[in-house]
Amino acid sequence: MLTATEPYAVLQVLRHASPEELRELLRLTVESPEEAYALLARLREKYAIPKEEPLWKRATPSELKQAIREWVDEERPSAPPLSEDALRRESLYA
């Protein structure tokens, strides 16, 4: 049976499989569902999106430090300044 995340894997197969592979899958679905499921499993592995480890797991300390510095130095969208009224004590604790 399919798990909750597998429909996305099936969609990935449908997007990237060749017409011949899809025809074979349809043919097997009618003739031999067990073989169709096995073919679908092979196609899911073939067309799976490779999962990349997050930066904090794969980067060296110096690479991580550089990435954090680049993030800090990125230009941020300007935010409107807070009004004097918004900074009053009564407004902060209301």
N, C-alpha and C. Protein backbone atom coordinates (compact mmCIF):
# COMPACT_ATOMS: atom_id res chain seq x y z
N MET A 1 0.84 -1.19 0.00
CA MET A 1 0.00 0.00 0.00
C MET A 1 0.88 1.25 0.00
N LEU A 2 0.33 2.34 -0.52
CA LEU A 2 1.06 3.60 -0.57
C LEU A 2 0.99 4.31 0.77
N THR A 3 2.09 4.95 1.14
CA THR A 3 2.09 5.76 2.35
C THR A 3 1.69 7.18 1.97
N ALA A 4 1.59 8.05 2.97
CA ALA A 4 1.10 9.40 2.72
C ALA A 4 2.00 10.19 1.77
N THR A 5 3.31 9.94 1.77
CA THR A 5 4.20 10.71 0.92
C THR A 5 4.39 10.10 -0.46
N GLU A 6 3.95 8.89 -0.66
CA GLU A 6 4.20 8.22 -1.93
C GLU A 6 3.43 8.77 -3.12
N PRO A 7 2.26 9.38 -2.96
CA PRO A 7 1.64 9.97 -4.16
C PRO A 7 2.55 10.97 -4.85
N TYR A 8 3.36 11.70 -4.09
CA TYR A 8 4.30 12.63 -4.70
C TYR A 8 5.36 11.89 -5.51
N ALA A 9 5.79 10.74 -5.01
CA ALA A 9 6.75 9.93 -5.75
C ALA A 9 6.13 9.39 -7.02
N VAL A 10 4.86 9.01 -6.96
CA VAL A 10 4.17 8.52 -8.16
C VAL A 10 4.04 9.65 -9.17
N LEU A 11 3.72 10.85 -8.72
CA LEU A 11 3.65 11.99 -9.63
C LEU A 11 5.00 12.26 -10.27
N GLN A 12 6.06 12.09 -9.52
CA GLN A 12 7.41 12.26 -10.06
C GLN A 12 7.66 11.25 -11.18
N VAL A 13 7.21 10.01 -10.98
CA VAL A 13 7.33 8.99 -12.02
C VAL A 13 6.54 9.40 -13.25
N LEU A 14 5.31 9.84 -13.05
CA LEU A 14 4.46 10.22 -14.19
C LEU A 14 5.05 11.38 -14.98
N ARG A 15 5.73 12.28 -14.30
CA ARG A 15 6.32 13.43 -14.98
C ARG A 15 7.56 13.06 -15.78
N HIS A 16 8.35 12.09 -15.30
CA HIS A 16 9.66 11.85 -15.89
C HIS A 16 9.81 10.53 -16.63
N ALA A 17 8.90 9.61 -16.45
CA ALA A 17 9.03 8.31 -17.12
C ALA A 17 8.81 8.47 -18.62
N SER A 18 9.46 7.60 -19.36
CA SER A 18 9.30 7.62 -20.82
C SER A 18 7.92 7.08 -21.18
N PRO A 19 7.44 7.40 -22.38
CA PRO A 19 6.15 6.84 -22.81
C PRO A 19 6.14 5.31 -22.80
N GLU A 20 7.27 4.70 -23.14
CA GLU A 20 7.35 3.24 -23.13
C GLU A 20 7.18 2.68 -21.72
N GLU A 21 7.84 3.33 -20.76
CA GLU A 21 7.71 2.88 -19.37
C GLU A 21 6.27 3.02 -18.87
N LEU A 22 5.63 4.10 -19.25
CA LEU A 22 4.24 4.31 -18.82
C LEU A 22 3.30 3.31 -19.48
N ARG A 23 3.54 3.02 -20.77
CA ARG A 23 2.72 2.01 -21.45
C ARG A 23 2.87 0.65 -20.78
N GLU A 24 4.10 0.29 -20.46
CA GLU A 24 4.36 -0.99 -19.80
C GLU A 24 3.67 -1.03 -18.43
N LEU A 25 3.72 0.06 -17.71
CA LEU A 25 3.06 0.13 -16.41
C LEU A 25 1.55 -0.04 -16.55
N LEU A 26 0.96 0.62 -17.53
CA LEU A 26 -0.49 0.47 -17.75
C LEU A 26 -0.85 -0.95 -18.16
N ARG A 27 -0.04 -1.55 -19.03
CA ARG A 27 -0.29 -2.92 -19.47
C ARG A 27 -0.24 -3.88 -18.29
N LEU A 28 0.78 -3.72 -17.46
CA LEU A 28 0.92 -4.60 -16.30
C LEU A 28 -0.18 -4.37 -15.27
N THR A 29 -0.67 -3.16 -15.18
CA THR A 29 -1.75 -2.87 -14.24
C THR A 29 -2.97 -3.72 -14.55
N VAL A 30 -3.24 -3.91 -15.84
CA VAL A 30 -4.39 -4.71 -16.26
C VAL A 30 -4.08 -6.20 -16.14
N GLU A 31 -2.89 -6.60 -16.59
CA GLU A 31 -2.57 -8.02 -16.69
C GLU A 31 -2.07 -8.62 -15.38
N SER A 32 -1.21 -7.90 -14.69
CA SER A 32 -0.59 -8.46 -13.49
C SER A 32 -0.31 -7.33 -12.48
N PRO A 33 -1.26 -7.03 -11.62
CA PRO A 33 -1.07 -5.93 -10.67
C PRO A 33 0.17 -6.05 -9.79
N GLU A 34 0.55 -7.29 -9.44
CA GLU A 34 1.75 -7.46 -8.61
C GLU A 34 3.00 -6.99 -9.35
N GLU A 35 3.10 -7.36 -10.64
CA GLU A 35 4.24 -6.92 -11.44
C GLU A 35 4.19 -5.41 -11.67
N ALA A 36 2.99 -4.87 -11.81
CA ALA A 36 2.85 -3.42 -11.99
C ALA A 36 3.35 -2.69 -10.75
N TYR A 37 3.02 -3.21 -9.58
CA TYR A 37 3.48 -2.59 -8.34
C TYR A 37 5.00 -2.66 -8.25
N ALA A 38 5.59 -3.80 -8.65
CA ALA A 38 7.05 -3.94 -8.63
C ALA A 38 7.69 -2.96 -9.61
N LEU A 39 7.11 -2.82 -10.81
CA LEU A 39 7.64 -1.87 -11.79
C LEU A 39 7.52 -0.45 -11.26
N LEU A 40 6.40 -0.13 -10.66
CA LEU A 40 6.22 1.21 -10.09
C LEU A 40 7.26 1.48 -9.01
N ALA A 41 7.55 0.49 -8.19
CA ALA A 41 8.58 0.66 -7.16
C ALA A 41 9.94 0.94 -7.78
N ARG A 42 10.28 0.21 -8.86
CA ARG A 42 11.56 0.45 -9.54
C ARG A 42 11.59 1.85 -10.17
N LEU A 43 10.48 2.25 -10.76
CA LEU A 43 10.43 3.58 -11.38
C LEU A 43 10.50 4.68 -10.33
N ARG A 44 9.88 4.46 -9.17
CA ARG A 44 9.97 5.45 -8.09
C ARG A 44 11.42 5.63 -7.66
N GLU A 45 12.15 4.53 -7.55
CA GLU A 45 13.56 4.63 -7.17
C GLU A 45 14.36 5.32 -8.26
N LYS A 46 14.07 5.00 -9.51
CA LYS A 46 14.80 5.57 -10.65
C LYS A 46 14.60 7.08 -10.74
N TYR A 47 13.37 7.55 -10.51
CA TYR A 47 13.07 8.96 -10.69
C TYR A 47 12.91 9.73 -9.38
N ALA A 48 13.36 9.16 -8.30
CA ALA A 48 13.24 9.83 -7.00
C ALA A 48 14.10 11.09 -6.99
N ILE A 49 13.59 12.10 -6.33
CA ILE A 49 14.35 13.33 -6.17
C ILE A 49 15.40 13.08 -5.10
N PRO A 50 16.67 13.28 -5.43
CA PRO A 50 17.70 13.03 -4.41
C PRO A 50 17.55 14.01 -3.25
N LYS A 51 17.65 13.47 -2.05
CA LYS A 51 17.52 14.31 -0.86
C LYS A 51 18.90 14.81 -0.46
N GLU A 52 19.00 16.11 -0.40
CA GLU A 52 20.26 16.73 -0.02
C GLU A 52 20.25 17.00 1.48
N GLU A 53 21.35 16.68 2.12
CA GLU A 53 21.44 16.95 3.56
C GLU A 53 21.44 18.45 3.79
N PRO A 54 20.90 18.90 4.92
CA PRO A 54 20.91 20.33 5.19
C PRO A 54 22.33 20.85 5.38
N LEU A 55 22.50 22.13 5.14
CA LEU A 55 23.83 22.75 5.21
C LEU A 55 24.50 22.51 6.56
N TRP A 56 23.74 22.61 7.64
CA TRP A 56 24.35 22.48 8.96
C TRP A 56 24.92 21.08 9.21
N LYS A 57 24.45 20.08 8.44
CA LYS A 57 24.97 18.72 8.60
C LYS A 57 26.19 18.46 7.72
N ARG A 58 26.24 19.07 6.54
CA ARG A 58 27.29 18.73 5.59
C ARG A 58 28.42 19.75 5.51
N ALA A 59 28.23 20.95 6.04
CA ALA A 59 29.23 22.00 5.91
C ALA A 59 30.30 21.88 6.99
N THR A 60 31.49 22.29 6.62
CA THR A 60 32.56 22.39 7.62
C THR A 60 32.27 23.62 8.48
N PRO A 61 32.90 23.73 9.64
CA PRO A 61 32.66 24.91 10.47
C PRO A 61 32.94 26.23 9.74
N SER A 62 34.00 26.26 8.93
CA SER A 62 34.29 27.51 8.22
C SER A 62 33.25 27.81 7.13
N GLU A 63 32.75 26.77 6.45
CA GLU A 63 31.70 26.97 5.45
C GLU A 63 30.41 27.45 6.12
N LEU A 64 30.11 26.88 7.26
CA LEU A 64 28.91 27.28 7.99
C LEU A 64 29.03 28.73 8.46
N LYS A 65 30.20 29.08 8.96
CA LYS A 65 30.44 30.45 9.40
C LYS A 65 30.28 31.43 8.23
N GLN A 66 30.82 31.07 7.08
CA GLN A 66 30.71 31.92 5.89
C GLN A 66 29.25 32.06 5.46
N ALA A 67 28.50 30.96 5.48
CA ALA A 67 27.09 31.00 5.08
C ALA A 67 26.28 31.89 6.02
N ILE A 68 26.57 31.81 7.30
CA ILE A 68 25.86 32.65 8.28
C ILE A 68 26.20 34.11 8.06
N ARG A 69 27.47 34.41 7.80
CA ARG A 69 27.86 35.80 7.54
C ARG A 69 27.18 36.34 6.29
N GLU A 70 27.11 35.52 5.24
CA GLU A 70 26.43 35.95 4.01
C GLU A 70 24.96 36.22 4.28
N TRP A 71 24.33 35.37 5.10
CA TRP A 71 22.93 35.56 5.44
C TRP A 71 22.73 36.86 6.22
N VAL A 72 23.64 37.13 7.17
CA VAL A 72 23.54 38.35 7.97
C VAL A 72 23.72 39.58 7.09
N ASP A 73 24.61 39.50 6.11
CA ASP A 73 24.90 40.65 5.25
C ASP A 73 23.91 40.85 4.12
N GLU A 74 22.97 39.93 3.94
CA GLU A 74 21.97 40.08 2.88
C GLU A 74 21.16 41.34 3.09
N GLU A 75 20.79 41.96 1.97
CA GLU A 75 19.95 43.15 2.06
C GLU A 75 18.54 42.74 2.44
N ARG A 76 18.00 43.39 3.42
CA ARG A 76 16.66 43.08 3.89
C ARG A 76 15.68 44.12 3.34
N PRO A 77 14.45 43.72 3.13
CA PRO A 77 13.46 44.71 2.71
C PRO A 77 13.24 45.71 3.84
N SER A 78 13.08 46.97 3.47
CA SER A 78 12.92 47.98 4.52
C SER A 78 11.54 47.86 5.14
N ALA A 79 11.53 47.92 6.44
CA ALA A 79 10.28 47.85 7.19
C ALA A 79 9.93 49.26 7.65
N PRO A 80 8.67 49.60 7.69
CA PRO A 80 8.32 50.95 8.16
C PRO A 80 8.70 51.09 9.63
N PRO A 81 9.19 52.26 10.01
CA PRO A 81 9.56 52.45 11.42
C PRO A 81 8.32 52.45 12.30
N LEU A 82 8.52 52.06 13.55
CA LEU A 82 7.42 52.08 14.50
C LEU A 82 7.15 53.51 14.94
N SER A 83 5.90 53.82 15.10
CA SER A 83 5.53 55.17 15.54
C SER A 83 5.82 55.32 17.04
N GLU A 84 5.88 56.58 17.47
CA GLU A 84 6.08 56.85 18.90
C GLU A 84 4.95 56.25 19.72
N ASP A 85 3.74 56.28 19.17
CA ASP A 85 2.58 55.74 19.88
C ASP A 85 2.74 54.23 20.09
N ALA A 86 3.29 53.53 19.10
CA ALA A 86 3.45 52.08 19.21
C ALA A 86 4.49 51.71 20.27
N LEU A 87 5.41 52.62 20.55
CA LEU A 87 6.47 52.33 21.51
C LEU A 87 6.13 52.78 22.94
N ARG A 88 5.00 53.41 23.13
CA ARG A 88 4.60 53.82 24.48
C ARG A 88 4.37 52.61 25.36
N ARG A 89 4.66 52.75 26.64
CA ARG A 89 4.50 51.66 27.59
C ARG A 89 3.08 51.12 27.61
N GLU A 90 2.10 51.99 27.51
CA GLU A 90 0.70 51.55 27.53
C GLU A 90 0.40 50.65 26.34
N SER A 91 1.01 50.95 25.20
CA SER A 91 0.76 50.15 24.00
C SER A 91 1.46 48.79 24.08
N LEU A 92 2.62 48.77 24.72
CA LEU A 92 3.38 47.52 24.80
C LEU A 92 2.69 46.50 25.69
N TYR A 93 2.04 46.95 26.76
CA TYR A 93 1.44 46.02 27.72
C TYR A 93 -0.07 45.93 27.60
N ALA A 94 -0.63 46.47 26.56
CA ALA A 94 -2.09 46.47 26.41
C ALA A 94 -2.60 45.10 26.04
